[in-house]
Amino acid sequence: MKKSVDIMLPYWGDVKLLKETVDSVLAQTSDDWHLTILDDHYDSAEAKKYFATLQHPQVTYIRHAKNIGITNNFNYAVEHATAPFCMIVGCDDRLLPTYVETALQHIGGCDLYQ
């Protein structure tokens, strides 16, 4: 089923922080989201192991064939979002558990969502 919000996560860096970011998305009170992790060819055995074990129906993992750089990875995120709404979250950010729920409540009240 198509989700209302694409959460795009360009990734390069600290695996511990990435896990905290992903955990904060998985803990959302609304399930009206899809998370796409865009791995910018980060060379980390720990990251590769984490991605190999990350199995969730609302999470997609894409590893670029080569490093495309932070700006291009963010542009890729914008260009490949398909839901009606999109947000880009940094790989060192954490969302409050009601983030998606609250955003959709506010979006629901605007003319663009009618």
PDB file of N, CA and C in Angstrom:
ATOM      1  N   MET A   1       0.835  -1.181   0.000  1.00  0.00           N
ATOM      2  CA  MET A   1       0.000   0.000   0.000  1.00  0.00           C
ATOM      3  C   MET A   1       0.884   1.251   0.000  1.00  0.00           C
ATOM      4  N   LYS A   2       0.532   2.202  -0.837  1.00  0.00           N
ATOM      5  CA  LYS A   2       1.286   3.455  -0.960  1.00  0.00           C
ATOM      6  C   LYS A   2       1.170   4.267   0.314  1.00  0.00           C
ATOM      7  N   LYS A   3       2.266   4.821   0.766  1.00  0.00           N
ATOM      8  CA  LYS A   3       2.318   5.625   1.983  1.00  0.00           C
ATOM      9  C   LYS A   3       2.253   7.108   1.619  1.00  0.00           C
ATOM     10  N   SER A   4       1.832   7.931   2.567  1.00  0.00           N
ATOM     11  CA  SER A   4       1.713   9.371   2.342  1.00  0.00           C
ATOM     12  C   SER A   4       3.043  10.097   2.386  1.00  0.00           C
ATOM     13  N   VAL A   5       3.997   9.574   3.165  1.00  0.00           N
ATOM     14  CA  VAL A   5       5.256  10.279   3.372  1.00  0.00           C
ATOM     15  C   VAL A   5       6.436   9.378   3.025  1.00  0.00           C
ATOM     16  N   ASP A   6       7.273   9.871   2.115  1.00  0.00           N
ATOM     17  CA  ASP A   6       8.555   9.227   1.876  1.00  0.00           C
ATOM     18  C   ASP A   6       9.567   9.897   2.786  1.00  0.00           C
ATOM     19  N   ILE A   7      10.218   9.109   3.614  1.00  0.00           N
ATOM     20  CA  ILE A   7      11.320   9.597   4.438  1.00  0.00           C
ATOM     21  C   ILE A   7      12.597   9.132   3.761  1.00  0.00           C
ATOM     22  N   MET A   8      13.330  10.086   3.229  1.00  0.00           N
ATOM     23  CA  MET A   8      14.540   9.782   2.483  1.00  0.00           C
ATOM     24  C   MET A   8      15.747  10.058   3.387  1.00  0.00           C
ATOM     25  N   LEU A   9      16.643   9.077   3.475  1.00  0.00           N
ATOM     26  CA  LEU A   9      17.770   9.178   4.386  1.00  0.00           C
ATOM     27  C   LEU A   9      19.085   8.988   3.623  1.00  0.00           C
ATOM     28  N   PRO A  10      19.687  10.077   3.136  1.00  0.00           N
ATOM     29  CA  PRO A  10      21.012   9.963   2.530  1.00  0.00           C
ATOM     30  C   PRO A  10      22.023   9.585   3.611  1.00  0.00           C
ATOM     31  N   TYR A  11      22.825   8.568   3.339  1.00  0.00           N
ATOM     32  CA  TYR A  11      23.707   8.055   4.391  1.00  0.00           C
ATOM     33  C   TYR A  11      25.172   8.056   3.982  1.00  0.00           C
ATOM     34  N   TRP A  12      25.997   8.544   4.892  1.00  0.00           N
ATOM     35  CA  TRP A  12      27.459   8.438   4.849  1.00  0.00           C
ATOM     36  C   TRP A  12      27.936   8.801   6.241  1.00  0.00           C
ATOM     37  N   GLY A  13      28.537   7.873   6.949  1.00  0.00           N
ATOM     38  CA  GLY A  13      29.074   8.275   8.242  1.00  0.00           C
ATOM     39  C   GLY A  13      28.940   7.268   9.358  1.00  0.00           C
ATOM     40  N   ASP A  14      28.718   7.791  10.539  1.00  0.00           N
ATOM     41  CA  ASP A  14      28.704   7.041  11.791  1.00  0.00           C
ATOM     42  C   ASP A  14      27.523   6.059  11.829  1.00  0.00           C
ATOM     43  N   VAL A  15      27.823   4.781  11.921  1.00  0.00           N
ATOM     44  CA  VAL A  15      26.786   3.746  11.920  1.00  0.00           C
ATOM     45  C   VAL A  15      25.923   3.837  13.183  1.00  0.00           C
ATOM     46  N   LYS A  16      26.523   4.167  14.308  1.00  0.00           N
ATOM     47  CA  LYS A  16      25.761   4.295  15.554  1.00  0.00           C
ATOM     48  C   LYS A  16      24.675   5.363  15.418  1.00  0.00           C
ATOM     49  N   LEU A  17      25.037   6.491  14.841  1.00  0.00           N
ATOM     50  CA  LEU A  17      24.050   7.562  14.645  1.00  0.00           C
ATOM     51  C   LEU A  17      22.983   7.156  13.630  1.00  0.00           C
ATOM     52  N   LEU A  18      23.405   6.461  12.579  1.00  0.00           N
ATOM     53  CA  LEU A  18      22.446   5.967  11.582  1.00  0.00           C
ATOM     54  C   LEU A  18      21.407   5.065  12.237  1.00  0.00           C
ATOM     55  N   LYS A  19      21.853   4.145  13.086  1.00  0.00           N
ATOM     56  CA  LYS A  19      20.931   3.232  13.763  1.00  0.00           C
ATOM     57  C   LYS A  19      19.933   4.003  14.615  1.00  0.00           C
ATOM     58  N   GLU A  20      20.401   5.058  15.293  1.00  0.00           N
ATOM     59  CA  GLU A  20      19.493   5.877  16.093  1.00  0.00           C
ATOM     60  C   GLU A  20      18.456   6.558  15.198  1.00  0.00           C
ATOM     61  N   THR A  21      18.889   7.026  14.037  1.00  0.00           N
ATOM     62  CA  THR A  21      17.959   7.652  13.095  1.00  0.00           C
ATOM     63  C   THR A  21      16.919   6.648  12.633  1.00  0.00           C
ATOM     64  N   VAL A  22      17.364   5.486  12.188  1.00  0.00           N
ATOM     65  CA  VAL A  22      16.437   4.451  11.707  1.00  0.00           C
ATOM     66  C   VAL A  22      15.497   4.023  12.828  1.00  0.00           C
ATOM     67  N   ASP A  23      16.017   3.813  14.021  1.00  0.00           N
ATOM     68  CA  ASP A  23      15.172   3.424  15.158  1.00  0.00           C
ATOM     69  C   ASP A  23      14.092   4.472  15.423  1.00  0.00           C
ATOM     70  N   SER A  24      14.441   5.751  15.268  1.00  0.00           N
ATOM     71  CA  SER A  24      13.450   6.805  15.516  1.00  0.00           C
ATOM     72  C   SER A  24      12.346   6.794  14.458  1.00  0.00           C
ATOM     73  N   VAL A  25      12.680   6.391  13.241  1.00  0.00           N
ATOM     74  CA  VAL A  25      11.651   6.260  12.199  1.00  0.00           C
ATOM     75  C   VAL A  25      10.778   5.046  12.495  1.00  0.00           C
ATOM     76  N   LEU A  26      11.390   3.942  12.849  1.00  0.00           N
ATOM     77  CA  LEU A  26      10.627   2.726  13.145  1.00  0.00           C
ATOM     78  C   LEU A  26       9.704   2.898  14.348  1.00  0.00           C
ATOM     79  N   ALA A  27       9.997   3.848  15.220  1.00  0.00           N
ATOM     80  CA  ALA A  27       9.206   4.076  16.433  1.00  0.00           C
ATOM     81  C   ALA A  27       8.049   5.061  16.216  1.00  0.00           C
ATOM     82  N   GLN A  28       7.788   5.446  14.990  1.00  0.00           N
ATOM     83  CA  GLN A  28       6.718   6.414  14.737  1.00  0.00           C
ATOM     84  C   GLN A  28       5.353   5.863  15.164  1.00  0.00           C
ATOM     85  N   THR A  29       4.507   6.757  15.681  1.00  0.00           N
ATOM     86  CA  THR A  29       3.156   6.373  16.093  1.00  0.00           C
ATOM     87  C   THR A  29       2.234   6.193  14.893  1.00  0.00           C
ATOM     88  N   SER A  30       2.580   6.783  13.776  1.00  0.00           N
ATOM     89  CA  SER A  30       1.858   6.580  12.518  1.00  0.00           C
ATOM     90  C   SER A  30       2.673   5.631  11.658  1.00  0.00           C
ATOM     91  N   ASP A  31       2.002   4.787  10.898  1.00  0.00           N
ATOM     92  CA  ASP A  31       2.738   3.913   9.981  1.00  0.00           C
ATOM     93  C   ASP A  31       2.564   4.352   8.525  1.00  0.00           C
ATOM     94  N   ASP A  32       2.169   5.605   8.324  1.00  0.00           N
ATOM     95  CA  ASP A  32       1.908   6.126   6.984  1.00  0.00           C
ATOM     96  C   ASP A  32       3.176   6.719   6.365  1.00  0.00           C
ATOM     97  N   TRP A  33       4.246   5.955   6.374  1.00  0.00           N
ATOM     98  CA  TRP A  33       5.543   6.393   5.877  1.00  0.00           C
ATOM     99  C   TRP A  33       6.265   5.228   5.228  1.00  0.00           C
ATOM    100  N   HIS A  34       7.233   5.574   4.390  1.00  0.00           N
ATOM    101  CA  HIS A  34       8.175   4.601   3.848  1.00  0.00           C
ATOM    102  C   HIS A  34       9.561   5.227   3.943  1.00  0.00           C
ATOM    103  N   LEU A  35      10.508   4.492   4.479  1.00  0.00           N
ATOM    104  CA  LEU A  35      11.873   4.963   4.639  1.00  0.00           C
ATOM    105  C   LEU A  35      12.753   4.390   3.535  1.00  0.00           C
ATOM    106  N   THR A  36      13.500   5.263   2.868  1.00  0.00           N
ATOM    107  CA  THR A  36      14.483   4.836   1.884  1.00  0.00           C
ATOM    108  C   THR A  36      15.856   5.321   2.337  1.00  0.00           C
ATOM    109  N   ILE A  37      16.753   4.384   2.563  1.00  0.00           N
ATOM    110  CA  ILE A  37      18.131   4.702   2.953  1.00  0.00           C
ATOM    111  C   ILE A  37      18.977   4.692   1.690  1.00  0.00           C
ATOM    112  N   LEU A  38      19.680   5.789   1.452  1.00  0.00           N
ATOM    113  CA  LEU A  38      20.515   5.934   0.265  1.00  0.00           C
ATOM    114  C   LEU A  38      21.981   5.934   0.693  1.00  0.00           C
ATOM    115  N   ASP A  39      22.590   4.780   0.650  1.00  0.00           N
ATOM    116  CA  ASP A  39      23.976   4.590   1.088  1.00  0.00           C
ATOM    117  C   ASP A  39      24.907   5.097  -0.013  1.00  0.00           C
ATOM    118  N   ASP A  40      25.659   6.154   0.299  1.00  0.00           N
ATOM    119  CA  ASP A  40      26.564   6.744  -0.678  1.00  0.00           C
ATOM    120  C   ASP A  40      27.903   6.011  -0.718  1.00  0.00           C
ATOM    121  N   HIS A  41      27.795   4.701  -0.813  1.00  0.00           N
ATOM    122  CA  HIS A  41      28.947   3.807  -0.956  1.00  0.00           C
ATOM    123  C   HIS A  41      29.919   3.951   0.213  1.00  0.00           C
ATOM    124  N   TYR A  42      29.333   4.002   1.410  1.00  0.00           N
ATOM    125  CA  TYR A  42      30.143   4.113   2.613  1.00  0.00           C
ATOM    126  C   TYR A  42      30.829   2.782   2.870  1.00  0.00           C
ATOM    127  N   ASP A  43      32.122   2.804   3.103  1.00  0.00           N
ATOM    128  CA  ASP A  43      32.892   1.581   3.264  1.00  0.00           C
ATOM    129  C   ASP A  43      33.063   1.239   4.742  1.00  0.00           C
ATOM    130  N   SER A  44      32.092   0.510   5.261  1.00  0.00           N
ATOM    131  CA  SER A  44      32.138   0.105   6.658  1.00  0.00           C
ATOM    132  C   SER A  44      31.560  -1.290   6.791  1.00  0.00           C
ATOM    133  N   ALA A  45      32.340  -2.200   7.363  1.00  0.00           N
ATOM    134  CA  ALA A  45      31.856  -3.564   7.577  1.00  0.00           C
ATOM    135  C   ALA A  45      30.643  -3.560   8.495  1.00  0.00           C
ATOM    136  N   GLU A  46      30.660  -2.690   9.505  1.00  0.00           N
ATOM    137  CA  GLU A  46      29.534  -2.614  10.435  1.00  0.00           C
ATOM    138  C   GLU A  46      28.278  -2.131   9.724  1.00  0.00           C
ATOM    139  N   ALA A  47      28.407  -1.132   8.851  1.00  0.00           N
ATOM    140  CA  ALA A  47      27.254  -0.630   8.104  1.00  0.00           C
ATOM    141  C   ALA A  47      26.706  -1.711   7.180  1.00  0.00           C
ATOM    142  N   LYS A  48      27.577  -2.414   6.481  1.00  0.00           N
ATOM    143  CA  LYS A  48      27.141  -3.475   5.568  1.00  0.00           C
ATOM    144  C   LYS A  48      26.398  -4.572   6.333  1.00  0.00           C
ATOM    145  N   LYS A  49      26.916  -4.949   7.494  1.00  0.00           N
ATOM    146  CA  LYS A  49      26.266  -5.972   8.313  1.00  0.00           C
ATOM    147  C   LYS A  49      24.891  -5.480   8.781  1.00  0.00           C
ATOM    148  N   TYR A  50      24.824  -4.228   9.213  1.00  0.00           N
ATOM    149  CA  TYR A  50      23.554  -3.656   9.675  1.00  0.00           C
ATOM    150  C   TYR A  50      22.515  -3.666   8.561  1.00  0.00           C
ATOM    151  N   PHE A  51      22.915  -3.199   7.371  1.00  0.00           N
ATOM    152  CA  PHE A  51      21.966  -3.151   6.261  1.00  0.00           C
ATOM    153  C   PHE A  51      21.521  -4.542   5.837  1.00  0.00           C
ATOM    154  N   ALA A  52      22.419  -5.512   5.929  1.00  0.00           N
ATOM    155  CA  ALA A  52      22.072  -6.881   5.557  1.00  0.00           C
ATOM    156  C   ALA A  52      21.033  -7.476   6.493  1.00  0.00           C
ATOM    157  N   THR A  53      21.018  -7.019   7.746  1.00  0.00           N
ATOM    158  CA  THR A  53      20.072  -7.573   8.712  1.00  0.00           C
ATOM    159  C   THR A  53      18.807  -6.723   8.870  1.00  0.00           C
ATOM    160  N   LEU A  54      18.799  -5.547   8.294  1.00  0.00           N
ATOM    161  CA  LEU A  54      17.654  -4.651   8.433  1.00  0.00           C
ATOM    162  C   LEU A  54      16.530  -5.116   7.509  1.00  0.00           C
ATOM    163  N   GLN A  55      15.587  -5.813   8.065  1.00  0.00           N
ATOM    164  CA  GLN A  55      14.470  -6.352   7.303  1.00  0.00           C
ATOM    165  C   GLN A  55      13.176  -5.751   7.840  1.00  0.00           C
ATOM    166  N   HIS A  56      12.586  -4.835   7.097  1.00  0.00           N
ATOM    167  CA  HIS A  56      11.333  -4.206   7.506  1.00  0.00           C
ATOM    168  C   HIS A  56      10.564  -3.865   6.233  1.00  0.00           C
ATOM    169  N   PRO A  57       9.275  -4.179   6.185  1.00  0.00           N
ATOM    170  CA  PRO A  57       8.513  -3.950   4.950  1.00  0.00           C
ATOM    171  C   PRO A  57       8.394  -2.483   4.540  1.00  0.00           C
ATOM    172  N   GLN A  58       8.654  -1.560   5.459  1.00  0.00           N
ATOM    173  CA  GLN A  58       8.536  -0.142   5.139  1.00  0.00           C
ATOM    174  C   GLN A  58       9.900   0.514   4.939  1.00  0.00           C
ATOM    175  N   VAL A  59      10.938  -0.304   4.799  1.00  0.00           N
ATOM    176  CA  VAL A  59      12.284   0.232   4.626  1.00  0.00           C
ATOM    177  C   VAL A  59      12.896  -0.339   3.348  1.00  0.00           C
ATOM    178  N   THR A  60      13.429   0.564   2.534  1.00  0.00           N
ATOM    179  CA  THR A  60      14.159   0.179   1.336  1.00  0.00           C
ATOM    180  C   THR A  60      15.594   0.677   1.481  1.00  0.00           C
ATOM    181  N   TYR A  61      16.539  -0.161   1.124  1.00  0.00           N
ATOM    182  CA  TYR A  61      17.954   0.196   1.183  1.00  0.00           C
ATOM    183  C   TYR A  61      18.516   0.204  -0.231  1.00  0.00           C
ATOM    184  N   ILE A  62      19.135   1.323  -0.591  1.00  0.00           N
ATOM    185  CA  ILE A  62      19.780   1.448  -1.897  1.00  0.00           C
ATOM    186  C   ILE A  62      21.227   1.844  -1.662  1.00  0.00           C
ATOM    187  N   ARG A  63      22.138   1.064  -2.217  1.00  0.00           N
ATOM    188  CA  ARG A  63      23.569   1.397  -2.129  1.00  0.00           C
ATOM    189  C   ARG A  63      24.023   1.842  -3.514  1.00  0.00           C
ATOM    190  N   HIS A  64      24.516   3.065  -3.599  1.00  0.00           N
ATOM    191  CA  HIS A  64      25.021   3.560  -4.877  1.00  0.00           C
ATOM    192  C   HIS A  64      26.236   2.744  -5.301  1.00  0.00           C
ATOM    193  N   ALA A  65      26.417   2.590  -6.597  1.00  0.00           N
ATOM    194  CA  ALA A  65      27.536   1.810  -7.135  1.00  0.00           C
ATOM    195  C   ALA A  65      28.876   2.462  -6.830  1.00  0.00           C
ATOM    196  N   LYS A  66      28.862   3.776  -6.666  1.00  0.00           N
ATOM    197  CA  LYS A  66      30.072   4.517  -6.300  1.00  0.00           C
ATOM    198  C   LYS A  66      29.635   5.730  -5.491  1.00  0.00           C
ATOM    199  N   ASN A  67      30.589   6.361  -4.838  1.00  0.00           N
ATOM    200  CA  ASN A  67      30.284   7.556  -4.054  1.00  0.00           C
ATOM    201  C   ASN A  67      29.908   8.689  -4.996  1.00  0.00           C
ATOM    202  N   ILE A  68      28.722   9.276  -4.776  1.00  0.00           N
ATOM    203  CA  ILE A  68      28.263  10.369  -5.640  1.00  0.00           C
ATOM    204  C   ILE A  68      28.336  11.724  -4.931  1.00  0.00           C
ATOM    205  N   GLY A  69      28.682  11.731  -3.653  1.00  0.00           N
ATOM    206  CA  GLY A  69      28.822  12.978  -2.911  1.00  0.00           C
ATOM    207  C   GLY A  69      27.527  13.397  -2.230  1.00  0.00           C
ATOM    208  N   ILE A  70      27.664  14.176  -1.186  1.00  0.00           N
ATOM    209  CA  ILE A  70      26.525  14.526  -0.352  1.00  0.00           C
ATOM    210  C   ILE A  70      25.443  15.296  -1.117  1.00  0.00           C
ATOM    211  N   THR A  71      25.851  16.278  -1.908  1.00  0.00           N
ATOM    212  CA  THR A  71      24.858  17.069  -2.644  1.00  0.00           C
ATOM    213  C   THR A  71      24.097  16.210  -3.635  1.00  0.00           C
ATOM    214  N   ASN A  72      24.800  15.382  -4.390  1.00  0.00           N
ATOM    215  CA  ASN A  72      24.137  14.504  -5.357  1.00  0.00           C
ATOM    216  C   ASN A  72      23.262  13.465  -4.664  1.00  0.00           C
ATOM    217  N   ASN A  73      23.676  12.997  -3.490  1.00  0.00           N
ATOM    218  CA  ASN A  73      22.868  12.021  -2.769  1.00  0.00           C
ATOM    219  C   ASN A  73      21.556  12.659  -2.288  1.00  0.00           C
ATOM    220  N   PHE A  74      21.637  13.912  -1.816  1.00  0.00           N
ATOM    221  CA  PHE A  74      20.413  14.620  -1.424  1.00  0.00           C
ATOM    222  C   PHE A  74      19.536  14.890  -2.638  1.00  0.00           C
ATOM    223  N   ASN A  75      20.129  15.271  -3.762  1.00  0.00           N
ATOM    224  CA  ASN A  75      19.351  15.483  -4.983  1.00  0.00           C
ATOM    225  C   ASN A  75      18.696  14.180  -5.443  1.00  0.00           C
ATOM    226  N   TYR A  76      19.422  13.084  -5.341  1.00  0.00           N
ATOM    227  CA  TYR A  76      18.878  11.770  -5.682  1.00  0.00           C
ATOM    228  C   TYR A  76      17.645  11.478  -4.822  1.00  0.00           C
ATOM    229  N   ALA A  77      17.745  11.810  -3.549  1.00  0.00           N
ATOM    230  CA  ALA A  77      16.622  11.589  -2.629  1.00  0.00           C
ATOM    231  C   ALA A  77      15.377  12.341  -3.097  1.00  0.00           C
ATOM    232  N   VAL A  78      15.542  13.592  -3.438  1.00  0.00           N
ATOM    233  CA  VAL A  78      14.407  14.406  -3.890  1.00  0.00           C
ATOM    234  C   VAL A  78      13.831  13.852  -5.184  1.00  0.00           C
ATOM    235  N   GLU A  79      14.703  13.496  -6.112  1.00  0.00           N
ATOM    236  CA  GLU A  79      14.260  13.028  -7.426  1.00  0.00           C
ATOM    237  C   GLU A  79      13.555  11.674  -7.373  1.00  0.00           C
ATOM    238  N   HIS A  80      13.830  10.861  -6.361  1.00  0.00           N
ATOM    239  CA  HIS A  80      13.280   9.512  -6.320  1.00  0.00           C
ATOM    240  C   HIS A  80      12.156   9.319  -5.300  1.00  0.00           C
ATOM    241  N   ALA A  81      11.749  10.369  -4.654  1.00  0.00           N
ATOM    242  CA  ALA A  81      10.587  10.276  -3.761  1.00  0.00           C
ATOM    243  C   ALA A  81       9.335  10.148  -4.625  1.00  0.00           C
ATOM    244  N   THR A  82       8.417   9.288  -4.214  1.00  0.00           N
ATOM    245  CA  THR A  82       7.208   9.067  -5.014  1.00  0.00           C
ATOM    246  C   THR A  82       5.912   9.300  -4.235  1.00  0.00           C
ATOM    247  N   ALA A  83       6.002   9.439  -2.932  1.00  0.00           N
ATOM    248  CA  ALA A  83       4.803   9.668  -2.118  1.00  0.00           C
ATOM    249  C   ALA A  83       4.329  11.109  -2.313  1.00  0.00           C
ATOM    250  N   PRO A  84       3.096  11.393  -1.921  1.00  0.00           N
ATOM    251  CA  PRO A  84       2.603  12.771  -2.026  1.00  0.00           C
ATOM    252  C   PRO A  84       3.453  13.776  -1.244  1.00  0.00           C
ATOM    253  N   PHE A  85       4.059  13.319  -0.150  1.00  0.00           N
ATOM    254  CA  PHE A  85       4.894  14.188   0.672  1.00  0.00           C
ATOM    255  C   PHE A  85       6.233  13.501   0.929  1.00  0.00           C
ATOM    256  N   CYS A  86       7.266  14.339   1.064  1.00  0.00           N
ATOM    257  CA  CYS A  86       8.611  13.823   1.233  1.00  0.00           C
ATOM    258  C   CYS A  86       9.339  14.634   2.282  1.00  0.00           C
ATOM    259  N   MET A  87      10.155  13.962   3.044  1.00  0.00           N
ATOM    260  CA  MET A  87      11.071  14.646   3.946  1.00  0.00           C
ATOM    261  C   MET A  87      12.430  13.977   3.830  1.00  0.00           C
ATOM    262  N   ILE A  88      13.461  14.781   3.976  1.00  0.00           N
ATOM    263  CA  ILE A  88      14.818  14.254   3.983  1.00  0.00           C
ATOM    264  C   ILE A  88      15.335  14.400   5.401  1.00  0.00           C
ATOM    265  N   VAL A  89      15.777  13.297   5.948  1.00  0.00           N
ATOM    266  CA  VAL A  89      16.305  13.297   7.307  1.00  0.00           C
ATOM    267  C   VAL A  89      17.795  13.004   7.242  1.00  0.00           C
ATOM    268  N   GLY A  90      18.560  13.736   8.025  1.00  0.00           N
ATOM    269  CA  GLY A  90      19.999  13.492   8.077  1.00  0.00           C
ATOM    270  C   GLY A  90      20.298  12.171   8.755  1.00  0.00           C
ATOM    271  N   CYS A  91      21.423  11.570   8.413  1.00  0.00           N
ATOM    272  CA  CYS A  91      21.770  10.264   8.988  1.00  0.00           C
ATOM    273  C   CYS A  91      22.297  10.391  10.414  1.00  0.00           C
ATOM    274  N   ASP A  92      22.198  11.584  10.973  1.00  0.00           N
ATOM    275  CA  ASP A  92      22.552  11.777  12.379  1.00  0.00           C
ATOM    276  C   ASP A  92      21.426  12.489  13.127  1.00  0.00           C
ATOM    277  N   ASP A  93      20.214  12.407  12.590  1.00  0.00           N
ATOM    278  CA  ASP A  93      19.037  13.033  13.199  1.00  0.00           C
ATOM    279  C   ASP A  93      18.161  11.984  13.865  1.00  0.00           C
ATOM    280  N   ARG A  94      17.317  12.437  14.769  1.00  0.00           N
ATOM    281  CA  ARG A  94      16.316  11.564  15.379  1.00  0.00           C
ATOM    282  C   ARG A  94      14.968  12.264  15.308  1.00  0.00           C
ATOM    283  N   LEU A  95      13.934  11.500  14.953  1.00  0.00           N
ATOM    284  CA  LEU A  95      12.577  12.039  14.912  1.00  0.00           C
ATOM    285  C   LEU A  95      11.872  11.735  16.228  1.00  0.00           C
ATOM    286  N   LEU A  96      11.083  12.669  16.697  1.00  0.00           N
ATOM    287  CA  LEU A  96      10.217  12.375  17.836  1.00  0.00           C
ATOM    288  C   LEU A  96       9.198  11.333  17.388  1.00  0.00           C
ATOM    289  N   PRO A  97       8.695  10.506  18.282  1.00  0.00           N
ATOM    290  CA  PRO A  97       7.791   9.414  17.882  1.00  0.00           C
ATOM    291  C   PRO A  97       6.523   9.875  17.154  1.00  0.00           C
ATOM    292  N   THR A  98       6.073  11.079  17.408  1.00  0.00           N
ATOM    293  CA  THR A  98       4.834  11.561  16.778  1.00  0.00           C
ATOM    294  C   THR A  98       5.111  12.477  15.589  1.00  0.00           C
ATOM    295  N   TYR A  99       6.332  12.499  15.078  1.00  0.00           N
ATOM    296  CA  TYR A  99       6.687  13.417  14.002  1.00  0.00           C
ATOM    297  C   TYR A  99       5.776  13.250  12.782  1.00  0.00           C
ATOM    298  N   VAL A 100       5.685  12.045  12.231  1.00  0.00           N
ATOM    299  CA  VAL A 100       4.885  11.813  11.030  1.00  0.00           C
ATOM    300  C   VAL A 100       3.410  12.081  11.316  1.00  0.00           C
ATOM    301  N   GLU A 101       2.924  11.602  12.432  1.00  0.00           N
ATOM    302  CA  GLU A 101       1.527  11.811  12.810  1.00  0.00           C
ATOM    303  C   GLU A 101       1.206  13.308  12.866  1.00  0.00           C
ATOM    304  N   THR A 102       2.044  14.068  13.537  1.00  0.00           N
ATOM    305  CA  THR A 102       1.824  15.505  13.676  1.00  0.00           C
ATOM    306  C   THR A 102       1.908  16.207  12.325  1.00  0.00           C
ATOM    307  N   ALA A 103       2.896  15.864  11.522  1.00  0.00           N
ATOM    308  CA  ALA A 103       3.035  16.477  10.196  1.00  0.00           C
ATOM    309  C   ALA A 103       1.789  16.223   9.356  1.00  0.00           C
ATOM    310  N   LEU A 104       1.304  14.992   9.346  1.00  0.00           N
ATOM    311  CA  LEU A 104       0.124  14.673   8.540  1.00  0.00           C
ATOM    312  C   LEU A 104      -1.130  15.360   9.062  1.00  0.00           C
ATOM    313  N   GLN A 105      -1.239  15.541  10.361  1.00  0.00           N
ATOM    314  CA  GLN A 105      -2.379  16.289  10.907  1.00  0.00           C
ATOM    315  C   GLN A 105      -2.362  17.719  10.392  1.00  0.00           C
ATOM    316  N   HIS A 106      -1.193  18.334  10.379  1.00  0.00           N
ATOM    317  CA  HIS A 106      -1.094  19.715   9.909  1.00  0.00           C
ATOM    318  C   HIS A 106      -1.264  19.809   8.391  1.00  0.00           C
ATOM    319  N   ILE A 107      -0.714  18.857   7.671  1.00  0.00           N
ATOM    320  CA  ILE A 107      -0.878  18.835   6.219  1.00  0.00           C
ATOM    321  C   ILE A 107      -2.349  18.644   5.871  1.00  0.00           C
ATOM    322  N   GLY A 108      -3.030  17.784   6.625  1.00  0.00           N
ATOM    323  CA  GLY A 108      -4.443  17.510   6.372  1.00  0.00           C
ATOM    324  C   GLY A 108      -5.319  18.745   6.459  1.00  0.00           C
ATOM    325  N   GLY A 109      -4.865  19.735   7.184  1.00  0.00           N
ATOM    326  CA  GLY A 109      -5.638  20.961   7.336  1.00  0.00           C
ATOM    327  C   GLY A 109      -5.344  22.013   6.280  1.00  0.00           C
ATOM    328  N   CYS A 110      -4.397  21.732   5.370  1.00  0.00           N
ATOM    329  CA  CYS A 110      -4.075  22.756   4.371  1.00  0.00           C
ATOM    330  C   CYS A 110      -4.773  22.446   3.063  1.00  0.00           C
ATOM    331  N   ASP A 111      -4.941  23.443   2.233  1.00  0.00           N
ATOM    332  CA  ASP A 111      -5.651  23.313   0.953  1.00  0.00           C
ATOM    333  C   ASP A 111      -4.969  22.349  -0.017  1.00  0.00           C
ATOM    334  N   LEU A 112      -3.656  22.188   0.088  1.00  0.00           N
ATOM    335  CA  LEU A 112      -2.929  21.326  -0.840  1.00  0.00           C
ATOM    336  C   LEU A 112      -3.296  19.854  -0.683  1.00  0.00           C
ATOM    337  N   TYR A 113      -3.767  19.465   0.478  1.00  0.00           N
ATOM    338  CA  TYR A 113      -4.041  18.062   0.770  1.00  0.00           C
ATOM    339  C   TYR A 113      -5.513  17.709   0.588  1.00  0.00           C
ATOM    340  N   GLN A 114      -6.312  18.663   0.247  1.00  0.00           N
ATOM    341  CA  GLN A 114      -7.768  18.459   0.107  1.00  0.00           C
ATOM    342  C   GLN A 114      -8.095  17.797  -1.211  1.00  0.00           C
TER     343      GLN A 114
END
